[in-house]
Amino acid sequence: MSTATTDPVARSVAARRVWHRSRGLLLALLLLVVTGVLLAALQSNEQHGRLDPRSADRTGSRALAQLLAARGVDTQVVTTSEEAAAATGPNTTLLIAEPDLLTTPQLTGLRMATAHTPGRVVLVAPGTAALDTFTPGVTAEPAGRSSVLRPACSLPAARRAGSALLGGLGYLTPDRTADRCYPSRGRPTLLRLPAPDSGRDTVLLGSPDFLYNRHLAERGNASLALQLLGDHKHLVWYLPSLSDSASDPSTPQDSDQRGFLDLLPSGWSWGLLQLTFAAAFAALWRARRLGPLVPERLPVTVPAAETTEGHARLYEQAHARDRASAVLRAATRTRLAPLIGVPPAHAHTPDILLPAVHAHLTSAPAAEPDLHSLLFGPTPADDKALVQLADQLDALKTSIVSQERHAPREHPDR
């Protein structure tokens, strides 16, 4: 009856303890998830259709596409490298919005498709891989945040446009025929590399900000964009994506060869490292500080009988017959030792305790219990055997105590 009423209470207490201990961590995780969702939603709204000529968002380029269309320039939007290579022909401008998303085979394919036909290739903030493929010898270095810069070059398109919003990356080249425009921190953020043999030049832009809808009407941004992208009647606007690079048949990244780590975006290792440090600092922050023990007065006095009964119930619930029998035997040996003249230090030594107990028993040898099994025996097989052991130990202790009380005492001579 008591076990049935105690289990639900114990489970309820354990559940409350677990909740109190873990609620701080759970609330922190919930706050982290909510913050991540909100940031993702805000960023997705701001970056939706980034550099997309069909998007009217702040970071889209629909306004530029409409201005180009008014000047008779046909804009074709492609989303794969195969479409971009097929659409690029003579007198065509190819704009690659995110060159760093492309693999080396894709960059090489586009370079071969545009190498021998007149036209222009415009790369927006290209990294090392794109530069090595399209403009060998050119290096990129940070040139600061985008800001309004003066042309400071002889390129006609830049001189007519005047000041424009550029920055981001600066490019260095040993080619003396290159046009170095809009310098920032001593590095040009617009670099034009001519190719007289093929009639196709390459333009490197350090930042795409002046192509966005929100900045197009500022300064000379619209003029510069129209002149760079409107020199030819056909404009191929290539918007690379992660799915485009994953589906490239020229790369050995098919589903049979790609592993789980290949599916994760770049930079995940740094994010995991930051989370590991954050978890370690949180553990140090929330860990208990172990100091010296401080004695504290109990709020209530618990009778010894209630404490013993509580221990017994705990042993019963845990089926700890080994622990219960060990406690009973140790307590009996400790109480018997001073009655039979055994020092407390040898109360648990069978070779010393058992002969002394035999000497104090007045019953017949046949009626004496197996003292070794009784005081130092194995664990009882079941609860019934445990109760029987407790009765036998109590009977042994009672027998010796009664004998000590009725034993004749010697009085010294007066």
Protein backbone atom coordinates (compact mmCIF):
# COMPACT_ATOMS: atom_id res chain seq x y z
CA MET A 1 0.00 0.00 0.00
CA SER A 2 2.79 2.38 0.95
CA THR A 3 4.82 1.49 -2.16
CA ALA A 4 1.91 2.23 -4.48
CA THR A 5 1.40 5.66 -2.93
CA THR A 6 5.10 6.49 -2.76
CA ASP A 7 6.06 5.77 -6.39
CA PRO A 8 3.92 8.53 -8.00
CA VAL A 9 5.10 11.01 -5.38
CA ALA A 10 8.74 10.05 -5.96
CA ARG A 11 8.31 10.35 -9.72
CA SER A 12 6.67 13.75 -9.33
CA VAL A 13 9.48 15.00 -7.11
CA ALA A 14 12.11 13.69 -9.55
CA ALA A 15 10.34 15.34 -12.47
CA ARG A 16 10.24 18.68 -10.66
CA ARG A 17 13.93 18.43 -9.84
CA VAL A 18 14.82 17.67 -13.46
CA TRP A 19 12.69 20.61 -14.62
CA HIS A 20 14.28 23.04 -12.15
CA ARG A 21 17.76 21.95 -13.19
CA SER A 22 17.19 22.02 -16.93
CA ARG A 23 14.72 24.86 -17.40
CA GLY A 24 17.50 27.44 -17.78
CA LEU A 25 19.17 25.46 -20.57
CA LEU A 26 15.84 24.76 -22.28
CA LEU A 27 14.87 28.44 -22.19
CA ALA A 28 18.29 29.39 -23.60
CA LEU A 29 17.89 26.88 -26.44
CA LEU A 30 14.37 28.16 -27.14
CA LEU A 31 15.64 31.73 -27.23
CA LEU A 32 18.46 30.69 -29.59
CA VAL A 33 16.04 28.95 -31.94
CA VAL A 34 13.59 31.88 -31.96
CA THR A 35 16.43 34.34 -32.57
CA GLY A 36 17.78 32.23 -35.43
CA VAL A 37 14.34 32.01 -37.04
CA LEU A 38 13.81 35.76 -36.74
CA LEU A 39 17.25 36.55 -38.16
CA ALA A 40 16.73 34.11 -41.01
CA ALA A 41 13.35 35.65 -41.77
CA LEU A 42 14.73 39.18 -41.72
CA GLN A 43 17.74 38.29 -43.83
CA SER A 44 15.65 36.33 -46.29
CA ASN A 45 13.39 39.34 -46.76
CA GLU A 46 16.34 41.65 -47.30
CA GLN A 47 18.34 39.34 -49.59
CA HIS A 48 15.47 37.83 -51.57
CA GLY A 49 16.40 37.98 -55.24
CA ARG A 50 19.82 39.50 -54.60
CA LEU A 51 21.20 40.84 -57.90
CA ASP A 52 18.23 39.28 -59.68
CA PRO A 53 17.06 41.45 -62.61
CA ARG A 54 13.52 40.14 -62.04
CA SER A 55 13.39 41.25 -58.38
CA ALA A 56 12.03 44.60 -57.21
CA ASP A 57 13.48 44.18 -53.70
CA ARG A 58 16.04 46.58 -52.29
CA THR A 59 18.88 44.25 -53.25
CA GLY A 60 17.37 43.23 -56.59
CA SER A 61 18.28 44.69 -60.01
CA ARG A 62 14.94 45.01 -61.76
CA ALA A 63 15.32 48.77 -62.18
CA LEU A 64 18.61 48.28 -64.02
CA ALA A 65 17.07 45.62 -66.27
CA GLN A 66 14.24 47.99 -67.21
CA LEU A 67 16.70 50.78 -68.05
CA LEU A 68 18.70 48.36 -70.21
CA ALA A 69 15.53 47.22 -71.96
CA ALA A 70 14.66 50.87 -72.71
CA ARG A 71 18.04 51.17 -74.44
CA GLY A 72 17.37 48.08 -76.56
CA VAL A 73 19.46 45.61 -74.54
CA ASP A 74 17.96 42.13 -74.29
CA THR A 75 18.56 40.59 -70.81
CA GLN A 76 18.50 36.79 -70.54
CA VAL A 77 18.53 35.32 -67.03
CA VAL A 78 20.21 31.88 -66.68
CA THR A 79 20.74 29.81 -63.55
CA THR A 80 23.12 27.05 -64.69
CA SER A 81 26.60 27.10 -66.15
CA GLU A 82 25.46 25.07 -69.16
CA GLU A 83 22.81 27.66 -70.02
CA ALA A 84 25.31 30.48 -69.56
CA ALA A 85 27.89 28.84 -71.84
CA ALA A 86 25.24 28.13 -74.49
CA ALA A 87 23.78 31.65 -74.40
CA THR A 88 27.14 33.42 -74.65
CA GLY A 89 27.90 34.32 -78.25
CA PRO A 90 29.47 37.14 -80.27
CA ASN A 91 28.75 40.68 -79.07
CA THR A 92 27.35 39.41 -75.78
CA THR A 93 27.93 40.62 -72.23
CA LEU A 94 28.11 37.85 -69.63
CA LEU A 95 27.48 38.97 -66.05
CA ILE A 96 28.34 36.38 -63.37
CA ALA A 97 26.69 37.54 -60.14
CA GLU A 98 28.31 35.06 -57.69
CA PRO A 99 31.52 33.64 -59.22
CA ASP A 100 32.66 32.11 -55.92
CA LEU A 101 29.72 29.66 -55.96
CA LEU A 102 31.07 27.99 -59.10
CA THR A 103 33.42 25.06 -59.19
CA THR A 104 36.69 25.09 -61.10
CA PRO A 105 35.32 22.96 -64.00
CA GLN A 106 32.35 25.33 -64.34
CA LEU A 107 34.61 28.38 -64.40
CA THR A 108 36.86 26.71 -66.94
CA GLY A 109 33.88 25.86 -69.15
CA LEU A 110 32.65 29.45 -69.13
CA ARG A 111 36.16 30.72 -69.85
CA MET A 112 36.47 28.46 -72.87
CA ALA A 113 33.00 29.46 -74.12
CA THR A 114 33.90 33.17 -74.05
CA ALA A 115 37.59 33.06 -74.96
CA HIS A 116 37.33 33.46 -78.74
CA THR A 117 34.22 35.58 -79.25
CA PRO A 118 34.02 39.39 -79.00
CA GLY A 119 32.07 40.72 -76.07
CA ARG A 120 32.52 41.33 -72.33
CA VAL A 121 32.65 39.30 -69.13
CA VAL A 122 31.68 41.08 -65.91
CA LEU A 123 32.60 39.34 -62.65
CA VAL A 124 31.01 40.65 -59.45
CA ALA A 125 33.37 40.43 -56.45
CA PRO A 126 35.30 37.40 -57.76
CA GLY A 127 37.57 35.44 -55.45
CA THR A 128 40.83 33.62 -56.07
CA ALA A 129 39.40 30.69 -58.07
CA ALA A 130 37.53 32.92 -60.53
CA LEU A 131 40.50 35.27 -60.90
CA ASP A 132 42.91 32.41 -61.63
CA THR A 133 40.57 31.14 -64.36
CA PHE A 134 39.52 34.36 -66.10
CA THR A 135 42.36 36.77 -65.25
CA PRO A 136 45.57 34.94 -64.32
CA GLY A 137 48.00 37.14 -62.41
CA VAL A 138 45.31 39.31 -60.82
CA THR A 139 45.03 39.24 -57.03
CA ALA A 140 42.24 40.49 -54.78
CA GLU A 141 42.63 42.26 -51.44
CA PRO A 142 40.08 43.90 -49.11
CA ALA A 143 39.50 47.55 -49.96
CA GLY A 144 37.08 48.56 -47.19
CA ARG A 145 33.33 49.02 -47.12
CA SER A 146 31.48 50.35 -50.13
CA SER A 147 31.52 54.12 -50.39
CA VAL A 148 31.20 56.84 -52.98
CA LEU A 149 34.49 56.91 -54.92
CA ARG A 150 35.82 59.03 -57.77
CA PRO A 151 36.87 57.33 -61.03
CA ALA A 152 40.53 58.47 -61.06
CA CYS A 153 41.10 56.66 -64.38
CA SER A 154 40.86 57.21 -68.13
CA LEU A 155 38.11 54.66 -68.81
CA PRO A 156 35.43 56.57 -70.79
CA ALA A 157 32.53 54.84 -69.04
CA ALA A 158 33.89 55.73 -65.62
CA ARG A 159 34.72 59.33 -66.56
CA ARG A 160 31.22 59.91 -67.94
CA ALA A 161 29.57 58.33 -64.90
CA GLY A 162 31.63 60.20 -62.32
CA SER A 163 31.45 59.22 -58.66
CA ALA A 164 29.85 55.86 -57.92
CA LEU A 165 29.29 53.46 -55.03
CA LEU A 166 32.11 50.93 -55.06
CA GLY A 167 34.49 49.25 -52.64
CA GLY A 168 34.62 45.76 -51.15
CA LEU A 169 37.55 44.18 -52.97
CA GLY A 170 40.51 45.82 -54.66
CA TYR A 171 42.43 44.20 -57.52
CA LEU A 172 46.11 44.30 -58.39
CA THR A 173 47.50 43.33 -61.79
CA PRO A 174 50.85 43.68 -63.54
CA ASP A 175 49.07 44.37 -66.86
CA ARG A 176 49.88 47.95 -67.85
CA THR A 177 47.01 48.13 -70.36
CA ALA A 178 44.41 47.57 -67.66
CA ASP A 179 42.07 50.38 -66.59
CA ARG A 180 42.25 50.90 -62.83
CA CYS A 181 39.26 52.84 -61.60
CA TYR A 182 37.63 53.90 -58.34
CA PRO A 183 40.59 53.26 -56.06
CA SER A 184 40.05 52.61 -52.35
CA ARG A 185 43.02 52.28 -50.00
CA GLY A 186 45.26 52.47 -53.04
CA ARG A 187 43.61 49.54 -54.83
CA PRO A 188 41.24 49.87 -57.81
CA THR A 189 37.77 48.44 -57.13
CA LEU A 190 36.87 48.43 -60.82
CA LEU A 191 39.43 46.80 -63.09
CA ARG A 192 39.03 46.42 -66.85
CA LEU A 193 41.37 44.00 -68.63
CA PRO A 194 41.27 44.29 -72.46
CA ALA A 195 41.90 41.35 -74.77
CA PRO A 196 42.67 42.81 -78.23
CA ASP A 197 43.13 39.41 -79.87
CA SER A 198 39.59 38.18 -79.18
CA GLY A 199 37.86 41.54 -78.88
CA ARG A 200 36.46 40.55 -75.46
CA ASP A 201 37.38 42.42 -72.29
CA THR A 202 36.93 41.42 -68.66
CA VAL A 203 35.58 43.76 -65.98
CA LEU A 204 36.09 43.05 -62.28
CA LEU A 205 33.78 44.75 -59.78
CA GLY A 206 34.79 44.86 -56.11
CA SER A 207 31.21 45.37 -54.92
CA PRO A 208 27.72 44.89 -56.41
CA ASP A 209 26.12 47.72 -54.40
CA PHE A 210 25.78 50.18 -57.28
CA LEU A 211 23.72 47.56 -59.21
CA TYR A 212 21.02 47.33 -56.51
CA ASN A 213 17.62 48.96 -56.89
CA ARG A 214 18.09 51.01 -53.71
CA HIS A 215 21.35 52.63 -54.90
CA LEU A 216 20.81 52.83 -58.65
CA ALA A 217 19.49 56.43 -58.59
CA GLU A 218 22.39 57.69 -56.47
CA ARG A 219 25.37 59.58 -57.92
CA GLY A 220 26.63 58.01 -61.15
CA ASN A 221 25.60 54.45 -60.34
CA ALA A 222 22.98 54.11 -63.08
CA SER A 223 25.25 55.64 -65.72
CA LEU A 224 28.15 53.36 -64.83
CA ALA A 225 25.94 50.23 -64.77
CA LEU A 226 24.32 51.05 -68.10
CA GLN A 227 27.65 51.64 -69.80
CA LEU A 228 29.29 48.51 -68.42
CA LEU A 229 26.36 46.20 -69.20
CA GLY A 230 24.84 47.96 -72.22
CA ASP A 231 27.75 48.05 -74.67
CA HIS A 232 26.32 44.97 -76.43
CA LYS A 233 22.73 44.26 -77.41
CA HIS A 234 22.54 40.94 -75.61
CA LEU A 235 23.17 40.55 -71.87
CA VAL A 236 23.39 37.11 -70.24
CA TRP A 237 22.71 37.54 -66.53
CA TYR A 238 24.00 34.42 -64.78
CA LEU A 239 22.77 33.80 -61.19
CA PRO A 240 24.75 30.84 -59.80
CA SER A 241 23.43 28.85 -56.86
CA LEU A 242 24.47 25.97 -54.64
CA SER A 243 22.12 23.63 -56.49
CA ASP A 244 23.73 24.66 -59.77
CA SER A 245 27.21 23.60 -58.56
CA ALA A 246 25.79 20.41 -57.05
CA SER A 247 24.13 19.42 -60.33
CA ASP A 248 27.18 20.07 -62.50
CA PRO A 249 27.84 16.80 -64.36
CA SER A 250 31.51 17.67 -64.84
CA THR A 251 32.23 17.52 -61.12
CA PRO A 252 32.58 14.24 -59.21
CA GLN A 253 29.92 15.24 -56.67
CA ASP A 254 27.08 12.88 -57.54
CA SER A 255 24.99 11.32 -54.80
CA ASP A 256 27.02 8.11 -54.81
CA GLN A 257 30.32 9.86 -54.07
CA ARG A 258 29.27 12.81 -51.92
CA GLY A 259 29.32 12.35 -48.18
CA PHE A 260 27.34 13.99 -45.43
CA LEU A 261 29.95 16.69 -44.83
CA ASP A 262 29.83 17.66 -48.52
CA LEU A 263 26.17 18.62 -48.10
CA LEU A 264 26.92 21.11 -45.34
CA PRO A 265 27.53 24.75 -46.31
CA SER A 266 30.98 26.24 -46.06
CA GLY A 267 31.90 27.65 -42.68
CA TRP A 268 30.05 25.02 -40.66
CA SER A 269 33.27 23.99 -38.91
CA TRP A 270 33.79 27.51 -37.55
CA GLY A 271 30.19 27.63 -36.41
CA LEU A 272 30.60 24.28 -34.65
CA LEU A 273 33.78 25.51 -32.97
CA GLN A 274 32.00 28.63 -31.72
CA LEU A 275 29.13 26.54 -30.34
CA THR A 276 31.63 24.27 -28.58
CA PHE A 277 33.32 27.24 -26.89
CA ALA A 278 29.92 28.67 -25.95
CA ALA A 279 28.86 25.36 -24.40
CA ALA A 280 32.13 25.12 -22.45
CA PHE A 281 31.78 28.67 -21.11
CA ALA A 282 28.14 28.01 -20.18
CA ALA A 283 29.19 24.86 -18.32
CA LEU A 284 31.86 26.78 -16.40
CA TRP A 285 29.36 29.52 -15.65
CA ARG A 286 26.64 27.20 -14.37
CA ALA A 287 28.86 24.61 -12.69
CA ARG A 288 28.72 24.26 -8.93
CA ARG A 289 31.54 25.83 -6.97
CA LEU A 290 32.82 23.15 -4.57
CA GLY A 291 34.08 24.70 -1.35
CA PRO A 292 34.54 23.62 2.29
CA LEU A 293 31.64 21.94 4.02
CA VAL A 294 29.52 24.30 6.11
CA PRO A 295 27.69 22.80 9.12
CA GLU A 296 24.03 23.69 9.15
CA ARG A 297 21.42 23.20 11.82
CA LEU A 298 18.57 21.01 10.59
CA PRO A 299 15.21 22.78 10.46
CA VAL A 300 13.47 19.84 12.16
CA THR A 301 14.51 16.92 14.32
CA VAL A 302 13.83 13.54 12.73
CA PRO A 303 13.42 10.63 15.20
CA ALA A 304 15.83 7.76 14.72
CA ALA A 305 12.95 5.32 14.26
CA GLU A 306 11.59 7.30 11.31
CA THR A 307 15.04 7.50 9.75
CA THR A 308 15.51 3.75 10.11
CA GLU A 309 12.07 3.10 8.65
CA GLY A 310 12.79 5.42 5.73
CA HIS A 311 16.07 3.64 4.98
CA ALA A 312 14.30 0.31 5.13
CA ARG A 313 11.67 1.45 2.63
CA LEU A 314 14.35 2.71 0.29
CA TYR A 315 16.17 -0.63 0.48
CA GLU A 316 12.86 -2.41 -0.17
CA GLN A 317 12.05 -0.31 -3.23
CA ALA A 318 15.54 -0.84 -4.63
CA HIS A 319 15.54 -4.58 -3.76
CA ALA A 320 18.88 -3.94 -2.03
CA ARG A 321 18.95 -7.10 0.09
CA ASP A 322 22.75 -7.16 -0.05
CA ARG A 323 23.04 -3.70 1.44
CA ALA A 324 20.30 -4.32 4.03
CA SER A 325 21.80 -7.63 5.20
CA ALA A 326 25.28 -6.06 5.41
CA VAL A 327 23.93 -3.24 7.57
CA LEU A 328 22.09 -5.65 9.87
CA ARG A 329 25.13 -7.91 10.34
CA ALA A 330 27.55 -5.02 10.87
CA ALA A 331 25.26 -3.45 13.50
CA THR A 332 24.91 -6.79 15.31
CA ARG A 333 28.68 -7.39 15.35
CA THR A 334 29.29 -3.86 16.60
CA ARG A 335 26.84 -4.33 19.51
CA LEU A 336 28.04 -7.82 20.42
CA ALA A 337 31.75 -6.96 20.57
CA PRO A 338 31.75 -4.98 23.86
CA LEU A 339 29.42 -7.56 25.49
CA ILE A 340 31.75 -10.47 24.85
CA GLY A 341 35.01 -8.64 25.52
CA VAL A 342 36.18 -8.10 21.91
CA PRO A 343 37.82 -4.74 21.11
CA PRO A 344 35.78 -2.59 18.66
CA ALA A 345 38.66 -2.71 16.16
CA HIS A 346 38.22 -6.51 15.85
CA ALA A 347 34.43 -6.56 15.85
CA HIS A 348 34.38 -7.45 12.15
CA THR A 349 37.20 -10.02 12.22
CA PRO A 350 35.73 -13.54 12.06
CA ASP A 351 38.78 -15.28 13.63
CA ILE A 352 38.45 -13.15 16.78
CA LEU A 353 34.72 -12.48 17.04
CA LEU A 354 33.32 -15.98 16.41
CA PRO A 355 35.27 -17.84 19.18
CA ALA A 356 34.22 -15.19 21.67
CA VAL A 357 30.57 -15.56 20.68
CA HIS A 358 30.79 -19.38 21.01
CA ALA A 359 32.27 -18.98 24.49
CA HIS A 360 29.34 -16.88 25.67
CA LEU A 361 26.59 -19.16 24.36
CA THR A 362 25.20 -21.55 27.00
CA SER A 363 23.06 -23.59 24.63
CA ALA A 364 24.04 -27.03 23.43
CA PRO A 365 26.34 -27.14 20.43
CA ALA A 366 23.67 -28.85 18.35
CA ALA A 367 21.23 -26.04 19.12
CA GLU A 368 23.71 -23.25 18.29
CA PRO A 369 23.17 -21.52 14.94
CA ASP A 370 25.86 -21.42 12.27
CA LEU A 371 27.50 -18.25 13.57
CA HIS A 372 29.77 -17.73 10.57
CA SER A 373 26.86 -17.95 8.16
CA LEU A 374 24.75 -15.79 10.44
CA LEU A 375 27.26 -12.98 11.04
CA PHE A 376 29.39 -13.16 7.87
CA GLY A 377 27.21 -15.15 5.46
CA PRO A 378 26.03 -14.48 1.92
CA THR A 379 23.19 -12.22 0.78
CA PRO A 380 19.69 -13.60 1.43
CA ALA A 381 17.99 -15.01 -1.63
CA ASP A 382 14.66 -13.21 -1.10
CA ASP A 383 12.80 -10.90 1.25
CA LYS A 384 11.59 -13.81 3.38
CA ALA A 385 15.16 -14.96 3.98
CA LEU A 386 16.12 -11.38 4.84
CA VAL A 387 13.39 -11.19 7.48
CA GLN A 388 14.51 -14.56 8.87
CA LEU A 389 18.09 -13.29 9.06
CA ALA A 390 16.98 -10.22 10.99
CA ASP A 391 15.06 -12.40 13.46
CA GLN A 392 18.04 -14.70 13.99
CA LEU A 393 20.42 -11.77 14.57
CA ASP A 394 17.99 -10.24 17.03
CA ALA A 395 17.64 -13.57 18.86
CA LEU A 396 21.43 -13.95 19.07
CA LYS A 397 21.85 -10.45 20.46
CA THR A 398 19.02 -10.96 22.97
CA SER A 399 20.51 -14.28 24.15
CA ILE A 400 23.94 -12.80 24.83
CA VAL A 401 22.49 -9.69 26.49
CA SER A 402 20.32 -11.79 28.82
CA GLN A 403 23.28 -13.98 29.74
CA GLU A 404 25.35 -10.93 30.57
CA ARG A 405 22.59 -9.61 32.84
CA HIS A 406 22.22 -12.90 34.81
CA ALA A 407 25.92 -13.69 35.01
CA PRO A 408 27.29 -13.70 38.62
CA ARG A 409 29.44 -10.68 39.41
CA GLU A 410 32.50 -10.88 41.64
CA HIS A 411 32.66 -8.35 44.48
CA PRO A 412 36.00 -7.20 45.88
CA ASP A 413 36.88 -7.98 49.47
CA ARG A 414 35.92 -5.33 51.95
